[in-house]
PDB file of N, CA and C in Angstrom:
ATOM      1  N   MET A   1      11.045  -1.511  -8.303  1.00  0.00           N
ATOM      2  CA  MET A   1      10.648  -1.112  -6.759  1.00  0.00           C
ATOM      3  C   MET A   1      10.803  -2.044  -5.787  1.00  0.00           C
ATOM      4  N   THR A   2      11.656  -2.044  -4.846  1.00  0.00           N
ATOM      5  CA  THR A   2      11.813  -2.863  -3.616  1.00  0.00           C
ATOM      6  C   THR A   2      11.156  -2.623  -2.704  1.00  0.00           C
ATOM      7  N   VAL A   3      11.109  -3.629  -2.078  1.00  0.00           N
ATOM      8  CA  VAL A   3      10.146  -3.731  -0.912  1.00  0.00           C
ATOM      9  C   VAL A   3      10.966  -4.611   0.676  1.00  0.00           C
ATOM     10  N   SER A   4      11.333  -3.185   1.238  1.00  0.00           N
ATOM     11  CA  SER A   4      12.325  -4.084   2.618  1.00  0.00           C
ATOM     12  C   SER A   4      11.709  -4.776   3.334  1.00  0.00           C
ATOM     13  N   LEU A   5      12.038  -4.911   4.379  1.00  0.00           N
ATOM     14  CA  LEU A   5      11.379  -6.209   5.521  1.00  0.00           C
ATOM     15  C   LEU A   5      10.481  -5.098   5.929  1.00  0.00           C
ATOM     16  N   ARG A   6      10.844  -3.845   6.627  1.00  0.00           N
ATOM     17  CA  ARG A   6      11.090  -3.102   7.812  1.00  0.00           C
ATOM     18  C   ARG A   6       9.728  -2.278   7.012  1.00  0.00           C
ATOM     19  N   LEU A   7       9.230  -2.235   5.884  1.00  0.00           N
ATOM     20  CA  LEU A   7       8.178  -1.570   5.227  1.00  0.00           C
ATOM     21  C   LEU A   7       6.963  -2.837   5.192  1.00  0.00           C
ATOM     22  N   VAL A   8       6.920  -4.179   5.201  1.00  0.00           N
ATOM     23  CA  VAL A   8       6.331  -4.745   5.118  1.00  0.00           C
ATOM     24  C   VAL A   8       5.916  -5.253   6.910  1.00  0.00           C
ATOM     25  N   PHE A   9       6.743  -5.255   7.885  1.00  0.00           N
ATOM     26  CA  PHE A   9       6.344  -4.867   9.047  1.00  0.00           C
ATOM     27  C   PHE A   9       5.285  -3.379   9.488  1.00  0.00           C
ATOM     28  N   VAL A  10       5.932  -2.532   9.248  1.00  0.00           N
ATOM     29  CA  VAL A  10       4.825  -1.500   9.320  1.00  0.00           C
ATOM     30  C   VAL A  10       3.917  -1.673   9.066  1.00  0.00           C
ATOM     31  N   LEU A  11       3.657  -2.270   7.678  1.00  0.00           N
ATOM     32  CA  LEU A  11       2.394  -2.018   6.763  1.00  0.00           C
ATOM     33  C   LEU A  11       1.376  -3.410   7.798  1.00  0.00           C
ATOM     34  N   GLY A  12       2.286  -4.913   8.153  1.00  0.00           N
ATOM     35  CA  GLY A  12       1.405  -5.665   9.307  1.00  0.00           C
ATOM     36  C   GLY A  12       1.252  -4.466  10.355  1.00  0.00           C
ATOM     37  N   LEU A  13       1.670  -3.548  10.637  1.00  0.00           N
ATOM     38  CA  LEU A  13       0.823  -3.179  12.266  1.00  0.00           C
ATOM     39  C   LEU A  13       0.007  -2.839  11.679  1.00  0.00           C
ATOM     40  N   ILE A  14       0.183  -2.145  11.016  1.00  0.00           N
ATOM     41  CA  ILE A  14      -0.935  -0.723  10.506  1.00  0.00           C
ATOM     42  C   ILE A  14      -2.463  -1.814   9.893  1.00  0.00           C
ATOM     43  N   ALA A  15      -2.069  -2.759   9.192  1.00  0.00           N
ATOM     44  CA  ALA A  15      -2.994  -3.917   8.996  1.00  0.00           C
ATOM     45  C   ALA A  15      -3.776  -4.482  10.468  1.00  0.00           C
ATOM     46  N   TRP A  16      -3.161  -4.755  11.354  1.00  0.00           N
ATOM     47  CA  TRP A  16      -3.238  -5.191  12.486  1.00  0.00           C
ATOM     48  C   TRP A  16      -3.723  -4.290  13.581  1.00  0.00           C
ATOM     49  N   ALA A  17      -3.528  -2.627  13.480  1.00  0.00           N
ATOM     50  CA  ALA A  17      -4.280  -1.953  14.463  1.00  0.00           C
ATOM     51  C   ALA A  17      -5.647  -1.552  13.920  1.00  0.00           C
ATOM     52  N   ALA A  18      -5.566  -1.234  12.203  1.00  0.00           N
ATOM     53  CA  ALA A  18      -7.322  -1.802  11.571  1.00  0.00           C
ATOM     54  C   ALA A  18      -8.055  -2.574  12.210  1.00  0.00           C
ATOM     55  N   ILE A  19      -7.449  -3.722  12.033  1.00  0.00           N
ATOM     56  CA  ILE A  19      -7.982  -4.573  13.116  1.00  0.00           C
ATOM     57  C   ILE A  19      -8.764  -4.371  14.511  1.00  0.00           C
ATOM     58  N   LYS A  20      -7.987  -4.161  14.917  1.00  0.00           N
ATOM     59  CA  LYS A  20      -7.921  -4.630  16.376  1.00  0.00           C
ATOM     60  C   LYS A  20      -8.451  -3.251  17.187  1.00  0.00           C
ATOM     61  N   PHE A  21      -8.269  -2.007  16.578  1.00  0.00           N
ATOM     62  CA  PHE A  21      -9.294  -0.767  17.030  1.00  0.00           C
ATOM     63  C   PHE A  21     -10.604  -0.379  15.707  1.00  0.00           C
ATOM     64  N   LEU A  22      -9.877  -0.313  14.973  1.00  0.00           N
ATOM     65  CA  LEU A  22     -10.990   0.204  14.010  1.00  0.00           C
ATOM     66  C   LEU A  22     -12.028  -0.781  13.825  1.00  0.00           C
ATOM     67  N   GLY A  23     -11.888  -1.672  14.102  1.00  0.00           N
ATOM     68  CA  GLY A  23     -12.960  -3.186  13.420  1.00  0.00           C
ATOM     69  C   GLY A  23     -13.061  -3.333  12.532  1.00  0.00           C
ATOM     70  N   ILE A  24     -12.062  -3.371  11.630  1.00  0.00           N
ATOM     71  CA  ILE A  24     -12.056  -3.762  10.096  1.00  0.00           C
ATOM     72  C   ILE A  24     -12.004  -5.501  10.244  1.00  0.00           C
ATOM     73  N   ARG A  25     -12.877  -6.065   9.809  1.00  0.00           N
ATOM     74  CA  ARG A  25     -12.587  -7.565   9.748  1.00  0.00           C
ATOM     75  C   ARG A  25     -11.585  -7.655   8.973  1.00  0.00           C
ATOM     76  N   LEU A  26     -11.242  -8.812   9.409  1.00  0.00           N
ATOM     77  CA  LEU A  26     -10.024  -9.737   8.958  1.00  0.00           C
ATOM     78  C   LEU A  26     -10.011  -9.823   7.590  1.00  0.00           C
ATOM     79  N   TRP A  27     -11.367 -10.333   7.112  1.00  0.00           N
ATOM     80  CA  TRP A  27     -11.743 -10.891   5.622  1.00  0.00           C
ATOM     81  C   TRP A  27     -11.585  -9.684   4.425  1.00  0.00           C
ATOM     82  N   VAL A  28     -11.945  -8.427   5.578  1.00  0.00           N
ATOM     83  CA  VAL A  28     -11.533  -7.303   4.669  1.00  0.00           C
ATOM     84  C   VAL A  28     -10.509  -6.926   3.988  1.00  0.00           C
ATOM     85  N   ALA A  29      -9.242  -7.203   5.376  1.00  0.00           N
ATOM     86  CA  ALA A  29      -8.292  -6.567   4.914  1.00  0.00           C
ATOM     87  C   ALA A  29      -7.661  -7.787   3.965  1.00  0.00           C
ATOM     88  N   VAL A  30      -7.832  -9.133   4.148  1.00  0.00           N
ATOM     89  CA  VAL A  30      -7.217  -9.582   2.678  1.00  0.00           C
ATOM     90  C   VAL A  30      -7.775  -9.429   1.668  1.00  0.00           C
ATOM     91  N   VAL A  31      -9.205  -9.411   1.418  1.00  0.00           N
ATOM     92  CA  VAL A  31      -9.547  -9.121   0.094  1.00  0.00           C
ATOM     93  C   VAL A  31      -8.772  -7.939  -0.578  1.00  0.00           C
ATOM     94  N   ILE A  32      -8.591  -6.431   0.600  1.00  0.00           N
ATOM     95  CA  ILE A  32      -7.574  -5.703  -0.228  1.00  0.00           C
ATOM     96  C   ILE A  32      -6.489  -5.972  -0.503  1.00  0.00           C
ATOM     97  N   ALA A  33      -5.600  -7.042   0.345  1.00  0.00           N
ATOM     98  CA  ALA A  33      -4.485  -7.033  -0.140  1.00  0.00           C
ATOM     99  C   ALA A  33      -4.621  -8.089  -1.194  1.00  0.00           C
ATOM    100  N   LEU A  34      -5.661  -8.753  -1.101  1.00  0.00           N
ATOM    101  CA  LEU A  34      -5.464  -9.535  -2.810  1.00  0.00           C
ATOM    102  C   LEU A  34      -6.042  -8.812  -3.772  1.00  0.00           C
ATOM    103  N   PHE A  35      -6.740  -7.609  -3.629  1.00  0.00           N
ATOM    104  CA  PHE A  35      -7.041  -6.795  -4.655  1.00  0.00           C
ATOM    105  C   PHE A  35      -6.044  -5.759  -4.824  1.00  0.00           C
ATOM    106  N   GLY A  36      -5.486  -5.529  -4.135  1.00  0.00           N
ATOM    107  CA  GLY A  36      -3.713  -5.182  -4.344  1.00  0.00           C
ATOM    108  C   GLY A  36      -3.086  -5.719  -5.224  1.00  0.00           C
ATOM    109  N   PHE A  37      -2.419  -7.056  -4.955  1.00  0.00           N
ATOM    110  CA  PHE A  37      -1.712  -7.718  -6.363  1.00  0.00           C
ATOM    111  C   PHE A  37      -2.566  -7.935  -7.355  1.00  0.00           C
ATOM    112  N   TRP A  38      -3.868  -8.151  -6.972  1.00  0.00           N
ATOM    113  CA  TRP A  38      -4.436  -8.308  -8.430  1.00  0.00           C
ATOM    114  C   TRP A  38      -4.150  -6.912  -9.092  1.00  0.00           C
ATOM    115  N   LEU A  39      -4.548  -5.988  -8.683  1.00  0.00           N
ATOM    116  CA  LEU A  39      -4.121  -4.412  -9.656  1.00  0.00           C
ATOM    117  C   LEU A  39      -2.806  -4.394  -9.737  1.00  0.00           C
ATOM    118  N   SER A  40      -1.889  -4.674  -9.243  1.00  0.00           N
ATOM    119  CA  SER A  40      -0.759  -4.629 -10.099  1.00  0.00           C
ATOM    120  C   SER A  40       0.013  -5.068 -10.762  1.00  0.00           C
ATOM    121  N   HIS A  41      -0.903  -6.389 -11.521  1.00  0.00           N
ATOM    122  CA  HIS A  41      -0.385  -7.213 -12.905  1.00  0.00           C
ATOM    123  C   HIS A  41      -1.738  -6.378 -13.984  1.00  0.00           C
ATOM    124  N   THR A  42      -2.341  -5.332 -13.709  1.00  0.00           N
ATOM    125  CA  THR A  42      -3.426  -5.041 -14.679  1.00  0.00           C
ATOM    126  C   THR A  42      -2.497  -3.692 -15.625  1.00  0.00           C
ATOM    127  N   VAL A  43      -3.362  -3.110 -16.697  1.00  0.00           N
ATOM    128  CA  VAL A  43      -2.404  -2.143 -17.382  1.00  0.00           C
ATOM    129  C   VAL A  43      -2.889  -0.740 -16.665  1.00  0.00           C
ATOM    130  N   LEU A  44      -3.218  -0.809 -15.573  1.00  0.00           N
ATOM    131  CA  LEU A  44      -3.220   0.308 -14.655  1.00  0.00           C
ATOM    132  C   LEU A  44      -2.469   0.720 -13.691  1.00  0.00           C
ATOM    133  N   ALA A  45      -1.172  -0.942 -13.576  1.00  0.00           N
ATOM    134  CA  ALA A  45       0.116  -0.711 -13.031  1.00  0.00           C
ATOM    135  C   ALA A  45       0.543   0.408 -12.888  1.00  0.00           C
ATOM    136  N   PRO A  46       1.398   0.569 -14.363  1.00  0.00           N
ATOM    137  CA  PRO A  46       2.353   2.312 -14.493  1.00  0.00           C
ATOM    138  C   PRO A  46       1.544   3.340 -13.935  1.00  0.00           C
ATOM    139  N   ALA A  47       0.228   3.709 -13.940  1.00  0.00           N
ATOM    140  CA  ALA A  47      -0.537   5.025 -13.765  1.00  0.00           C
ATOM    141  C   ALA A  47      -0.167   5.070 -12.109  1.00  0.00           C
ATOM    142  N   ILE A  48      -0.532   3.872 -11.636  1.00  0.00           N
ATOM    143  CA  ILE A  48      -0.655   3.488 -10.595  1.00  0.00           C
ATOM    144  C   ILE A  48       0.751   4.117  -9.493  1.00  0.00           C
ATOM    145  N   GLU A  49       1.963   3.288 -10.082  1.00  0.00           N
ATOM    146  CA  GLU A  49       3.051   3.864  -9.763  1.00  0.00           C
ATOM    147  C   GLU A  49       3.739   5.314  -9.862  1.00  0.00           C
ATOM    148  N   SER A  50       3.366   5.706 -10.854  1.00  0.00           N
ATOM    149  CA  SER A  50       3.855   6.862 -11.379  1.00  0.00           C
ATOM    150  C   SER A  50       3.051   8.131 -10.383  1.00  0.00           C
ATOM    151  N   GLY A  51       1.816   7.594  -9.826  1.00  0.00           N
ATOM    152  CA  GLY A  51       0.890   8.617  -9.103  1.00  0.00           C
ATOM    153  C   GLY A  51       1.778   8.113  -7.907  1.00  0.00           C
ATOM    154  N   THR A  52       1.865   6.864  -7.313  1.00  0.00           N
ATOM    155  CA  THR A  52       2.473   6.902  -5.987  1.00  0.00           C
ATOM    156  C   THR A  52       3.848   7.406  -6.090  1.00  0.00           C
ATOM    157  N   ARG A  53       4.856   7.388  -6.743  1.00  0.00           N
ATOM    158  CA  ARG A  53       6.034   8.484  -6.745  1.00  0.00           C
ATOM    159  C   ARG A  53       5.959   9.800  -7.055  1.00  0.00           C
ATOM    160  N   SER A  54       4.875  10.132  -7.151  1.00  0.00           N
ATOM    161  CA  SER A  54       4.733  11.631  -7.461  1.00  0.00           C
ATOM    162  C   SER A  54       4.168  11.940  -6.120  1.00  0.00           C
ATOM    163  N   GLY A  55       3.475  11.149  -5.436  1.00  0.00           N
ATOM    164  CA  GLY A  55       2.850  11.624  -3.793  1.00  0.00           C
ATOM    165  C   GLY A  55       3.605  11.403  -3.034  1.00  0.00           C
ATOM    166  N   VAL A  56       4.871  10.380  -2.953  1.00  0.00           N
ATOM    167  CA  VAL A  56       6.002  10.655  -2.060  1.00  0.00           C
ATOM    168  C   VAL A  56       7.083  11.761  -2.688  1.00  0.00           C
ATOM    169  N   ASP A  57       7.241  11.881  -3.744  1.00  0.00           N
ATOM    170  CA  ASP A  57       7.992  13.355  -4.238  1.00  0.00           C
ATOM    171  C   ASP A  57       7.650  14.265  -3.634  1.00  0.00           C
ATOM    172  N   VAL A  58       6.733  14.489  -3.493  1.00  0.00           N
ATOM    173  CA  VAL A  58       5.068  15.718  -2.408  1.00  0.00           C
ATOM    174  C   VAL A  58       5.994  15.479  -1.120  1.00  0.00           C
ATOM    175  N   VAL A  59       5.734  14.618  -1.063  1.00  0.00           N
ATOM    176  CA  VAL A  59       5.142  14.544   0.666  1.00  0.00           C
ATOM    177  C   VAL A  59       6.849  14.234   1.010  1.00  0.00           C
ATOM    178  N   ASN A  60       8.199  14.334  -0.034  1.00  0.00           N
ATOM    179  CA  ASN A  60       8.803  14.440   1.054  1.00  0.00           C
ATOM    180  C   ASN A  60      10.127  15.957   0.371  1.00  0.00           C
ATOM    181  N   GLY A  61       9.178  16.371  -0.313  1.00  0.00           N
ATOM    182  CA  GLY A  61       9.874  17.782  -0.871  1.00  0.00           C
ATOM    183  C   GLY A  61      10.727  17.684  -1.923  1.00  0.00           C
ATOM    184  N   ASN A  62      10.755  16.626  -2.920  1.00  0.00           N
ATOM    185  CA  ASN A  62      12.000  16.891  -4.008  1.00  0.00           C
ATOM    186  C   ASN A  62      10.834  17.001  -5.352  1.00  0.00           C
ATOM    187  N   ARG A  63      10.316  18.092  -5.493  1.00  0.00           N
ATOM    188  CA  ARG A  63       9.972  18.868  -6.525  1.00  0.00           C
ATOM    189  C   ARG A  63      10.813  19.416  -7.600  1.00  0.00           C
ATOM    190  N   ASP A  64      11.038  18.753  -8.652  1.00  0.00           N
ATOM    191  CA  ASP A  64      11.933  18.766  -9.614  1.00  0.00           C
ATOM    192  C   ASP A  64      11.416  19.907 -10.689  1.00  0.00           C
TER     193      ASP A  64
END
């Protein structure tokens, strides 16, 4: 899975908006990001990737 710079920029904007307008604390956003990196190196990673791909296919209407 490749991550483009545009995706990182959009995710950064979402995180900034959550901190600015929803009152999410900066340390909570950092902990969530670090937990995501940690989770990607566990045995759950293939299941998460499969579920994410399936969800994207459903949203895009690419049902096989």
